[in-house]
């Protein structure tokens, strides 16, 4: 035997682990490392807390380590699905049951329009493929010391996750706690109290419109287009913020139905008290109730529950397209929001009775891509600072600017009928990364109320 051969053999013997420790390493590679690595990578940019999914993966791995490899893989895939759903629910402030209920609408969206979703899908698919082969290795370790070490890894990773997200507490999993005091833009502004038949009422819920936090550039731009002489000549302007919980449909419940909750409560009831929302209340006062939304009616079953709460007429993407609206893309592709104010104004001009008109916007839904007719490519024209420091926020503000410019043009026109107009955000924009997400108040949304001074009268 040569000197070199002897050296290699000695090195092999010195680096060789005990059989039980090798099994432990096989287990940890899958249930600690592989089950969590894509989410650990998000620590550096910001992510929802994952204490329970981390612990679940580890303890499920301990339970199934002696089972056949196919059974272990099924358990691993189930853990990954739960981890992914939990992550998404935290990111978008959805309860887990609400997210699961919403999966039936997955076919209505286009995740392939987002490079972020494509990359995430590739990573998860790769992990599932890799785990199939890794789980064929023996991981049924048995020494008490190694079991204790496994528990230590689980709780150590939980602690690291808590520490990594300590500066973003409150930004995720925003479900209304039991007994939470209610507030909304409708109640705080006095909007509904103006329903005396002398004017139209317009409520606009703006997708992902958040309250800037310690960012003067964003604060200056928020509702900036309404700070002009034409608006002030015609409207008394007030603004504020309101507490929010959960996602868009919960925001609709907040402003339309005056309570914390979500839309599926409306699908499952015929209780007139639960369905006595703002459209129905205004109908009793002689108002026609008209809803507009730039996306598809079946999504979140709006075409079902909008009529149940009192909307006599609804217009969704197809209806707006027939009226001339162009398509604007993104994960949620639909009507271009910048073209809807003209249709909104036309609806009110043609109204033969006082009308409550509700419009839910769409295009600012995250992530906002370049291109796809969203008019966000030259974002430095919106704000050089935002384009440089916060490009995704800048693209959102490009969309807000287009909506605001179009709306201001319509509501200051001579032939626009008298109307009170309330704009409010549904929830803060759920950015993936800490850099963008931390620019917004995690608890509140802004509202702007344009109270007509009485220069014109609605028809009817």
Protein backbone atom coordinates (compact mmCIF):
# COMPACT_ATOMS: atom_id res chain seq x y z
CA UNK A 1 0.00 0.00 0.00
CA UNK A 2 1.38 3.41 -0.91
CA UNK A 3 1.69 6.26 1.55
CA UNK A 4 -1.06 8.19 -0.29
CA UNK A 5 -3.47 5.23 -0.18
CA UNK A 6 -2.92 4.89 3.54
CA UNK A 7 -3.54 8.58 4.08
CA UNK A 8 -6.85 8.47 2.15
CA UNK A 9 -8.01 5.38 4.06
CA UNK A 10 -7.19 7.02 7.39
CA UNK A 11 -9.07 10.15 6.37
CA UNK A 12 -12.09 8.06 5.36
CA UNK A 13 -12.10 6.29 8.72
CA UNK A 14 -11.76 9.55 10.66
CA UNK A 15 -14.63 11.22 8.78
CA UNK A 16 -17.00 8.30 9.00
CA UNK A 17 -20.01 8.86 11.32
CA UNK A 18 -21.72 6.21 13.39
CA UNK A 19 -24.61 4.50 11.59
CA UNK A 20 -27.21 6.06 13.91
CA UNK A 21 -25.78 9.55 13.50
CA UNK A 22 -25.76 9.09 9.73
CA UNK A 23 -29.46 8.25 9.92
CA UNK A 24 -29.99 11.38 12.03
CA UNK A 25 -28.23 13.51 9.42
CA UNK A 26 -30.42 12.00 6.69
CA UNK A 27 -33.49 12.93 8.74
CA UNK A 28 -32.31 16.48 9.49
CA UNK A 29 -31.42 17.11 5.85
CA UNK A 30 -35.06 16.57 4.84
CA UNK A 31 -37.19 17.63 7.80
CA UNK A 32 -35.12 20.53 9.13
CA UNK A 33 -33.16 21.83 6.14
CA UNK A 34 -35.16 20.97 3.02
CA UNK A 35 -38.59 21.63 4.59
CA UNK A 36 -37.56 25.14 5.62
CA UNK A 37 -34.79 26.38 3.33
CA UNK A 38 -37.00 28.38 0.91
CA UNK A 39 -38.62 30.17 3.84
CA UNK A 40 -35.31 30.69 5.68
CA UNK A 41 -34.06 32.44 2.55
CA UNK A 42 -36.87 34.96 3.07
CA UNK A 43 -35.47 35.97 6.47
CA UNK A 44 -33.11 38.34 4.69
CA UNK A 45 -35.91 40.24 2.96
CA UNK A 46 -38.80 39.71 5.40
CA UNK A 47 -41.40 36.99 5.85
CA UNK A 48 -44.36 35.97 8.05
CA UNK A 49 -43.48 34.12 11.28
CA UNK A 50 -43.37 30.34 10.88
CA UNK A 51 -42.97 28.87 14.36
CA UNK A 52 -45.80 26.36 13.97
CA UNK A 53 -44.91 25.12 10.44
CA UNK A 54 -41.28 24.63 11.52
CA UNK A 55 -42.31 22.62 14.58
CA UNK A 56 -44.88 20.68 12.57
CA UNK A 57 -42.30 19.64 9.97
CA UNK A 58 -39.85 18.47 12.61
CA UNK A 59 -42.29 16.49 14.70
CA UNK A 60 -44.01 14.92 11.67
CA UNK A 61 -40.56 13.87 10.52
CA UNK A 62 -39.91 12.22 13.89
CA UNK A 63 -43.22 10.37 13.70
CA UNK A 64 -42.79 8.98 10.19
CA UNK A 65 -39.04 8.28 10.10
CA UNK A 66 -39.55 4.54 10.57
CA UNK A 67 -42.24 4.30 7.88
CA UNK A 68 -41.74 3.35 4.19
CA UNK A 69 -40.26 6.05 1.95
CA UNK A 70 -43.48 6.67 -0.05
CA UNK A 71 -45.40 7.29 3.19
CA UNK A 72 -42.68 9.67 4.37
CA UNK A 73 -42.81 11.54 1.07
CA UNK A 74 -46.59 11.95 1.25
CA UNK A 75 -46.19 13.33 4.77
CA UNK A 76 -43.43 15.67 3.58
CA UNK A 77 -45.53 16.92 0.67
CA UNK A 78 -48.45 17.55 3.03
CA UNK A 79 -46.17 19.50 5.37
CA UNK A 80 -44.88 21.60 2.46
CA UNK A 81 -48.43 22.34 1.29
CA UNK A 82 -49.39 23.45 4.80
CA UNK A 83 -46.21 25.55 5.12
CA UNK A 84 -46.90 27.22 1.80
CA UNK A 85 -50.54 27.97 2.64
CA UNK A 86 -49.54 29.30 6.05
CA UNK A 87 -46.89 31.52 4.47
CA UNK A 88 -49.29 32.92 1.87
CA UNK A 89 -52.03 33.47 4.45
CA UNK A 90 -49.63 35.47 6.60
CA UNK A 91 -48.27 37.44 3.68
CA UNK A 92 -51.73 38.51 2.47
CA UNK A 93 -53.34 38.80 5.93
CA UNK A 94 -55.77 35.97 5.24
CA UNK A 95 -56.98 33.48 7.79
CA UNK A 96 -55.96 29.96 6.80
CA UNK A 97 -59.57 28.81 6.39
CA UNK A 98 -60.30 31.82 4.18
CA UNK A 99 -57.29 31.00 2.01
CA UNK A 100 -58.29 27.35 1.68
CA UNK A 101 -61.84 28.40 0.77
CA UNK A 102 -60.39 30.71 -1.88
CA UNK A 103 -58.39 27.97 -3.61
CA UNK A 104 -61.48 27.14 -5.67
CA UNK A 105 -60.88 30.39 -7.56
CA UNK A 106 -57.24 29.65 -8.43
CA UNK A 107 -58.09 29.05 -12.09
CA UNK A 108 -59.27 32.67 -12.37
CA UNK A 109 -55.82 34.17 -11.73
CA UNK A 110 -52.60 34.19 -13.77
CA UNK A 111 -49.57 33.53 -11.52
CA UNK A 112 -47.48 32.97 -14.66
CA UNK A 113 -47.65 36.76 -15.19
CA UNK A 114 -45.39 37.19 -12.14
CA UNK A 115 -41.71 36.21 -12.14
CA UNK A 116 -41.92 35.93 -8.34
CA UNK A 117 -44.62 33.25 -8.50
CA UNK A 118 -42.84 31.39 -11.30
CA UNK A 119 -39.60 31.29 -9.29
CA UNK A 120 -41.43 30.12 -6.16
CA UNK A 121 -43.15 27.35 -8.10
CA UNK A 122 -39.85 26.12 -9.53
CA UNK A 123 -38.23 26.05 -6.07
CA UNK A 124 -41.09 24.14 -4.44
CA UNK A 125 -41.24 21.65 -7.31
CA UNK A 126 -37.49 21.10 -7.03
CA UNK A 127 -37.75 20.50 -3.29
CA UNK A 128 -40.50 17.91 -3.75
CA UNK A 129 -38.44 16.08 -6.39
CA UNK A 130 -35.30 16.18 -4.26
CA UNK A 131 -37.12 14.94 -1.17
CA UNK A 132 -38.37 11.87 -3.07
CA UNK A 133 -34.80 10.69 -3.53
CA UNK A 134 -33.47 11.80 -0.14
CA UNK A 135 -36.25 10.01 1.73
CA UNK A 136 -35.07 6.71 0.28
CA UNK A 137 -32.12 6.95 2.66
CA UNK A 138 -32.47 5.36 6.08
CA UNK A 139 -33.39 8.06 8.63
CA UNK A 140 -34.74 5.87 11.43
CA UNK A 141 -32.25 6.89 14.13
CA UNK A 142 -32.96 5.69 17.64
CA UNK A 143 -30.34 6.90 20.13
CA UNK A 144 -31.90 9.17 22.80
CA UNK A 145 -29.07 11.67 22.36
CA UNK A 146 -29.90 12.07 18.67
CA UNK A 147 -33.62 12.42 19.42
CA UNK A 148 -32.80 15.19 21.89
CA UNK A 149 -30.54 16.78 19.28
CA UNK A 150 -33.42 16.65 16.78
CA UNK A 151 -35.70 18.44 19.23
CA UNK A 152 -32.96 20.99 19.80
CA UNK A 153 -32.73 21.68 16.08
CA UNK A 154 -36.50 22.14 15.84
CA UNK A 155 -36.75 24.60 18.72
CA UNK A 156 -33.52 26.31 17.74
CA UNK A 157 -34.90 27.01 14.27
CA UNK A 158 -38.17 28.25 15.78
CA UNK A 159 -36.19 30.67 17.94
CA UNK A 160 -34.16 31.86 14.98
CA UNK A 161 -37.36 32.47 13.00
CA UNK A 162 -38.83 34.53 15.85
CA UNK A 163 -35.64 36.59 16.10
CA UNK A 164 -35.45 37.14 12.33
CA UNK A 165 -38.98 38.58 12.23
CA UNK A 166 -38.92 40.54 15.48
CA UNK A 167 -38.87 43.94 13.73
CA UNK A 168 -41.94 43.13 11.58
CA UNK A 169 -44.38 41.94 14.23
CA UNK A 170 -47.88 43.20 13.44
CA UNK A 171 -47.36 43.12 9.66
CA UNK A 172 -48.70 39.59 9.23
CA UNK A 173 -51.71 37.43 10.16
CA UNK A 174 -53.98 40.42 10.75
CA UNK A 175 -57.23 38.73 11.72
CA UNK A 176 -59.74 40.65 13.83
CA UNK A 177 -59.48 39.53 17.46
CA UNK A 178 -62.65 38.63 19.30
CA UNK A 179 -64.38 41.75 20.56
CA UNK A 180 -62.27 44.13 18.46
CA UNK A 181 -63.81 47.61 18.41
CA UNK A 182 -65.20 48.37 14.96
CA UNK A 183 -64.35 51.34 12.77
CA UNK A 184 -64.53 52.11 9.07
CA UNK A 185 -64.12 55.00 6.67
CA UNK A 186 -67.88 55.01 6.04
CA UNK A 187 -68.63 55.54 9.73
CA UNK A 188 -65.74 57.91 10.51
CA UNK A 189 -66.35 60.20 7.53
CA UNK A 190 -70.12 60.53 7.96
CA UNK A 191 -70.58 59.36 4.36
CA UNK A 192 -73.74 57.30 4.91
CA UNK A 193 -75.43 60.09 6.86
CA UNK A 194 -75.63 62.15 3.66
CA UNK A 195 -78.15 59.77 2.10
CA UNK A 196 -81.03 62.23 1.83
CA UNK A 197 -81.75 61.80 -1.88
CA UNK A 198 -80.23 65.18 -2.73
CA UNK A 199 -77.01 63.72 -4.13
CA UNK A 200 -75.43 60.52 -5.39
CA UNK A 201 -73.05 58.61 -3.13
CA UNK A 202 -69.87 57.07 -4.54
CA UNK A 203 -67.69 54.65 -2.59
CA UNK A 204 -64.38 53.64 -4.17
CA UNK A 205 -62.29 50.91 -2.56
CA UNK A 206 -58.73 51.12 -3.86
CA UNK A 207 -56.77 47.88 -4.04
CA UNK A 208 -53.65 47.81 -1.82
CA UNK A 209 -53.82 51.48 -0.84
CA UNK A 210 -51.85 51.77 2.39
CA UNK A 211 -50.85 54.48 4.87
CA UNK A 212 -47.23 55.59 4.33
CA UNK A 213 -45.01 55.24 7.39
CA UNK A 214 -42.12 57.68 7.81
CA UNK A 215 -41.89 58.19 4.05
CA UNK A 216 -42.51 61.80 3.12
CA UNK A 217 -42.36 61.20 -0.63
CA UNK A 218 -45.20 58.71 -0.43
CA UNK A 219 -47.18 60.87 2.01
CA UNK A 220 -46.94 63.82 -0.38
CA UNK A 221 -48.15 61.73 -3.31
CA UNK A 222 -51.02 60.02 -1.48
CA UNK A 223 -54.22 61.80 -2.61
CA UNK A 224 -52.01 64.58 -4.00
CA UNK A 225 -54.11 65.03 -7.14
CA UNK A 226 -57.13 66.04 -5.03
CA UNK A 227 -55.26 69.01 -3.58
CA UNK A 228 -56.27 71.48 -6.28
CA UNK A 229 -58.54 74.48 -6.70
CA UNK A 230 -61.12 72.69 -8.88
CA UNK A 231 -61.69 70.04 -6.22
CA UNK A 232 -61.78 72.56 -3.37
CA UNK A 233 -64.26 74.74 -5.23
CA UNK A 234 -66.71 71.88 -5.49
CA UNK A 235 -66.02 69.68 -2.45
CA UNK A 236 -65.18 69.94 1.21
CA UNK A 237 -62.17 67.66 1.56
CA UNK A 238 -61.36 65.61 4.64
CA UNK A 239 -59.19 62.59 5.18
CA UNK A 240 -58.11 60.12 7.83
CA UNK A 241 -57.22 56.51 8.48
CA UNK A 242 -59.16 53.44 9.53
CA UNK A 243 -58.24 50.13 11.12
CA UNK A 244 -58.26 47.11 8.83
CA UNK A 245 -58.04 43.35 9.19
CA UNK A 246 -57.46 40.59 6.64
CA UNK A 247 -57.72 41.04 2.88
CA UNK A 248 -59.86 42.72 0.21
CA UNK A 249 -63.15 40.93 0.81
CA UNK A 250 -62.85 41.68 4.54
CA UNK A 251 -62.32 45.32 3.56
CA UNK A 252 -65.53 45.16 1.56
CA UNK A 253 -67.35 43.73 4.57
CA UNK A 254 -65.91 46.51 6.70
CA UNK A 255 -67.12 49.34 4.49
CA UNK A 256 -70.27 47.82 2.97
CA UNK A 257 -71.64 45.83 5.90
CA UNK A 258 -70.24 47.72 8.87
CA UNK A 259 -68.57 44.83 10.71
CA UNK A 260 -65.48 42.65 10.82
CA UNK A 261 -65.96 39.47 8.81
CA UNK A 262 -65.68 37.99 5.34
CA UNK A 263 -67.86 37.36 2.32
CA UNK A 264 -68.55 33.66 2.80
CA UNK A 265 -70.68 34.60 5.81
CA UNK A 266 -73.03 36.24 3.30
CA UNK A 267 -73.14 33.22 1.02
CA UNK A 268 -74.29 30.93 3.80
CA UNK A 269 -77.10 33.02 5.27
CA UNK A 270 -80.51 34.41 4.47
CA UNK A 271 -80.68 36.28 7.78
CA UNK A 272 -81.96 39.77 6.90
CA UNK A 273 -79.97 41.27 9.76
CA UNK A 274 -76.68 39.94 8.36
CA UNK A 275 -77.60 41.00 4.82
CA UNK A 276 -78.71 44.49 5.87
CA UNK A 277 -75.60 46.16 4.47
CA UNK A 278 -75.13 49.68 3.13
CA UNK A 279 -76.62 49.03 -0.35
CA UNK A 280 -79.79 47.58 1.17
CA UNK A 281 -80.00 50.39 3.73
CA UNK A 282 -79.66 53.03 1.02
CA UNK A 283 -82.21 51.24 -1.17
CA UNK A 284 -84.74 51.76 1.62
CA UNK A 285 -84.02 55.49 1.32
CA UNK A 286 -84.74 55.50 -2.40
CA UNK A 287 -81.24 54.93 -3.77
CA UNK A 288 -80.41 52.66 -6.67
CA UNK A 289 -77.39 50.50 -5.78
CA UNK A 290 -74.80 49.83 -8.49
CA UNK A 291 -71.50 47.91 -8.10
CA UNK A 292 -68.52 47.99 -10.44
CA UNK A 293 -65.40 45.82 -10.28
CA UNK A 294 -62.59 45.56 -12.81
CA UNK A 295 -62.18 41.76 -12.38
CA UNK A 296 -64.43 38.75 -13.00
CA UNK A 297 -67.76 38.39 -11.23
CA UNK A 298 -67.34 34.72 -10.22
CA UNK A 299 -64.10 35.48 -8.35
CA UNK A 300 -64.86 35.31 -4.63
CA UNK A 301 -68.47 34.85 -5.80
CA UNK A 302 -69.10 38.58 -5.93
CA UNK A 303 -71.78 38.08 -8.56
CA UNK A 304 -73.62 36.01 -5.94
CA UNK A 305 -73.27 38.04 -2.75
CA UNK A 306 -73.37 41.54 -4.25
CA UNK A 307 -77.10 41.14 -5.07
CA UNK A 308 -77.73 39.57 -1.66
CA UNK A 309 -76.58 42.74 0.13
CA UNK A 310 -78.64 45.02 -2.09
CA UNK A 311 -76.79 45.79 -5.32
CA UNK A 312 -79.42 45.83 -8.05
CA UNK A 313 -76.88 46.16 -10.85
CA UNK A 314 -73.32 44.86 -11.16
CA UNK A 315 -70.67 45.47 -13.80
CA UNK A 316 -67.57 43.27 -13.97
CA UNK A 317 -64.70 42.87 -16.44
CA UNK A 318 -66.78 41.57 -19.35
CA UNK A 319 -69.37 44.32 -18.94
CA UNK A 320 -66.69 47.00 -18.78
CA UNK A 321 -64.92 45.49 -21.78
CA UNK A 322 -68.13 45.75 -23.79
CA UNK A 323 -68.22 49.44 -22.89
CA UNK A 324 -64.70 49.96 -24.24
CA UNK A 325 -62.39 49.19 -21.32
CA UNK A 326 -58.99 47.83 -22.33
CA UNK A 327 -57.34 44.82 -20.69
CA UNK A 328 -54.64 45.47 -18.10
CA UNK A 329 -52.54 42.52 -17.00
CA UNK A 330 -50.87 41.15 -13.90
CA UNK A 331 -51.72 38.17 -11.73
CA UNK A 332 -55.27 39.53 -11.70
CA UNK A 333 -55.85 40.74 -15.25
CA UNK A 334 -59.00 42.71 -16.02
CA UNK A 335 -60.25 46.15 -16.96
CA UNK A 336 -57.81 49.05 -16.86
CA UNK A 337 -58.77 51.02 -13.76
CA UNK A 338 -57.74 54.30 -15.37
CA UNK A 339 -60.64 53.94 -17.83
CA UNK A 340 -63.36 53.17 -15.29
CA UNK A 341 -63.90 56.73 -13.90
CA UNK A 342 -65.36 57.82 -17.26
CA UNK A 343 -67.83 54.92 -17.10
CA UNK A 344 -68.61 55.68 -13.47
CA UNK A 345 -69.38 59.28 -14.40
CA UNK A 346 -71.52 58.16 -17.34
CA UNK A 347 -73.54 55.90 -15.03
CA UNK A 348 -74.30 58.80 -12.70
CA UNK A 349 -75.12 61.21 -15.52
CA UNK A 350 -77.66 58.74 -16.91
CA UNK A 351 -79.15 57.92 -13.51
CA UNK A 352 -82.84 58.72 -13.14
CA UNK A 353 -82.79 58.39 -9.35
CA UNK A 354 -80.29 58.98 -6.54
CA UNK A 355 -77.62 56.31 -6.86
CA UNK A 356 -75.15 54.60 -4.56
CA UNK A 357 -72.26 53.59 -6.81
CA UNK A 358 -69.53 51.32 -5.48
CA UNK A 359 -66.31 50.64 -7.39
CA UNK A 360 -63.62 48.16 -6.36
CA UNK A 361 -60.36 48.76 -8.26
CA UNK A 362 -57.95 46.02 -9.37
CA UNK A 363 -54.70 46.90 -11.12
CA UNK A 364 -52.56 47.74 -8.06
CA UNK A 365 -52.79 44.14 -6.82
CA UNK A 366 -49.32 42.84 -6.04
CA UNK A 367 -47.01 42.02 -7.62
CA UNK A 368 -47.29 44.84 -10.18
CA UNK A 369 -45.28 43.81 -13.28
CA UNK A 370 -43.80 46.03 -15.93
CA UNK A 371 -45.66 46.13 -19.22
CA UNK A 372 -49.04 44.46 -19.74
CA UNK A 373 -50.70 47.81 -20.50
CA UNK A 374 -50.41 48.98 -16.89
CA UNK A 375 -48.60 52.20 -17.86
CA UNK A 376 -45.90 51.76 -15.21
CA UNK A 377 -42.75 51.47 -17.35
CA UNK A 378 -41.50 55.05 -16.92
CA UNK A 379 -41.88 55.17 -13.17
CA UNK A 380 -39.21 57.83 -12.70
CA UNK A 381 -41.81 60.24 -14.11
CA UNK A 382 -44.02 59.39 -11.13
CA UNK A 383 -41.22 59.86 -8.61
CA UNK A 384 -37.47 59.58 -9.25
CA UNK A 385 -36.91 58.74 -5.58
CA UNK A 386 -39.51 55.98 -5.46
CA UNK A 387 -38.30 54.60 -8.79
CA UNK A 388 -34.79 54.37 -7.37
CA UNK A 389 -35.46 53.22 -3.80
CA UNK A 390 -38.82 51.42 -3.98
CA UNK A 391 -39.52 50.34 -7.58
CA UNK A 392 -42.58 48.18 -6.82
CA UNK A 393 -44.15 50.94 -4.70
CA UNK A 394 -43.42 53.32 -7.54
CA UNK A 395 -45.31 51.10 -9.97
CA UNK A 396 -48.26 51.04 -7.59
CA UNK A 397 -48.26 54.82 -7.35
CA UNK A 398 -48.16 55.02 -11.14
CA UNK A 399 -51.46 53.12 -11.14
CA UNK A 400 -52.90 55.26 -8.32
CA UNK A 401 -51.88 58.40 -10.22
CA UNK A 402 -53.68 57.25 -13.36
CA UNK A 403 -56.83 56.48 -11.37
CA UNK A 404 -56.71 59.81 -9.54
CA UNK A 405 -56.07 61.88 -12.66
CA UNK A 406 -58.96 60.23 -14.49
CA UNK A 407 -61.29 60.55 -11.51
CA UNK A 408 -60.45 64.21 -10.85
CA UNK A 409 -61.12 65.03 -14.51
CA UNK A 410 -64.59 63.47 -14.31
CA UNK A 411 -65.75 64.73 -10.92
CA UNK A 412 -64.77 68.34 -11.63
CA UNK A 413 -66.51 68.44 -15.02
CA UNK A 414 -69.42 70.87 -15.36
CA UNK A 415 -71.91 68.13 -16.17
CA UNK A 416 -70.91 65.80 -13.35
CA UNK A 417 -73.92 65.53 -11.01
CA UNK A 418 -73.75 66.32 -7.33
CA UNK A 419 -72.15 63.41 -5.49
CA UNK A 420 -70.26 62.69 -2.31
CA UNK A 421 -67.20 60.56 -3.01
CA UNK A 422 -65.33 58.42 -0.49
CA UNK A 423 -62.07 56.69 -1.40
CA UNK A 424 -60.56 54.11 0.98
CA UNK A 425 -57.92 51.41 0.88
CA UNK A 426 -58.82 47.78 1.46
CA UNK A 427 -55.57 46.75 3.19
CA UNK A 428 -51.90 47.68 3.25
CA UNK A 429 -49.98 46.45 0.19
CA UNK A 430 -48.68 42.97 1.10
CA UNK A 431 -45.16 43.27 -0.27
CA UNK A 432 -42.96 40.17 -0.04
CA UNK A 433 -39.90 42.01 1.24
CA UNK A 434 -39.23 43.95 4.42
CA UNK A 435 -37.71 46.86 2.47
CA UNK A 436 -41.00 47.70 0.75
CA UNK A 437 -43.44 46.40 3.37
CA UNK A 438 -41.96 48.46 6.20
CA UNK A 439 -42.87 51.68 4.37
CA UNK A 440 -46.52 51.23 5.40
CA UNK A 441 -48.51 51.28 8.61
CA UNK A 442 -49.32 47.60 9.22
CA UNK A 443 -52.67 48.34 10.91
CA UNK A 444 -54.40 51.15 9.05
CA UNK A 445 -55.64 52.23 5.62
CA UNK A 446 -56.20 55.80 4.38
CA UNK A 447 -59.44 57.40 3.29
CA UNK A 448 -60.35 60.64 1.51
CA UNK A 449 -63.85 62.13 1.62
CA UNK A 450 -65.04 64.63 -0.99
CA UNK A 451 -68.25 66.15 0.37
CA UNK A 452 -70.22 67.96 -2.32
CA UNK A 453 -70.93 71.61 -1.58
CA UNK A 454 -74.25 71.49 -3.45
CA UNK A 455 -73.63 73.12 -6.81
CA UNK A 456 -75.66 70.57 -8.75
CA UNK A 457 -78.45 68.09 -8.16
CA UNK A 458 -78.76 64.41 -9.08
CA UNK A 459 -81.59 63.53 -11.39
CA UNK A 460 -84.69 61.89 -10.00
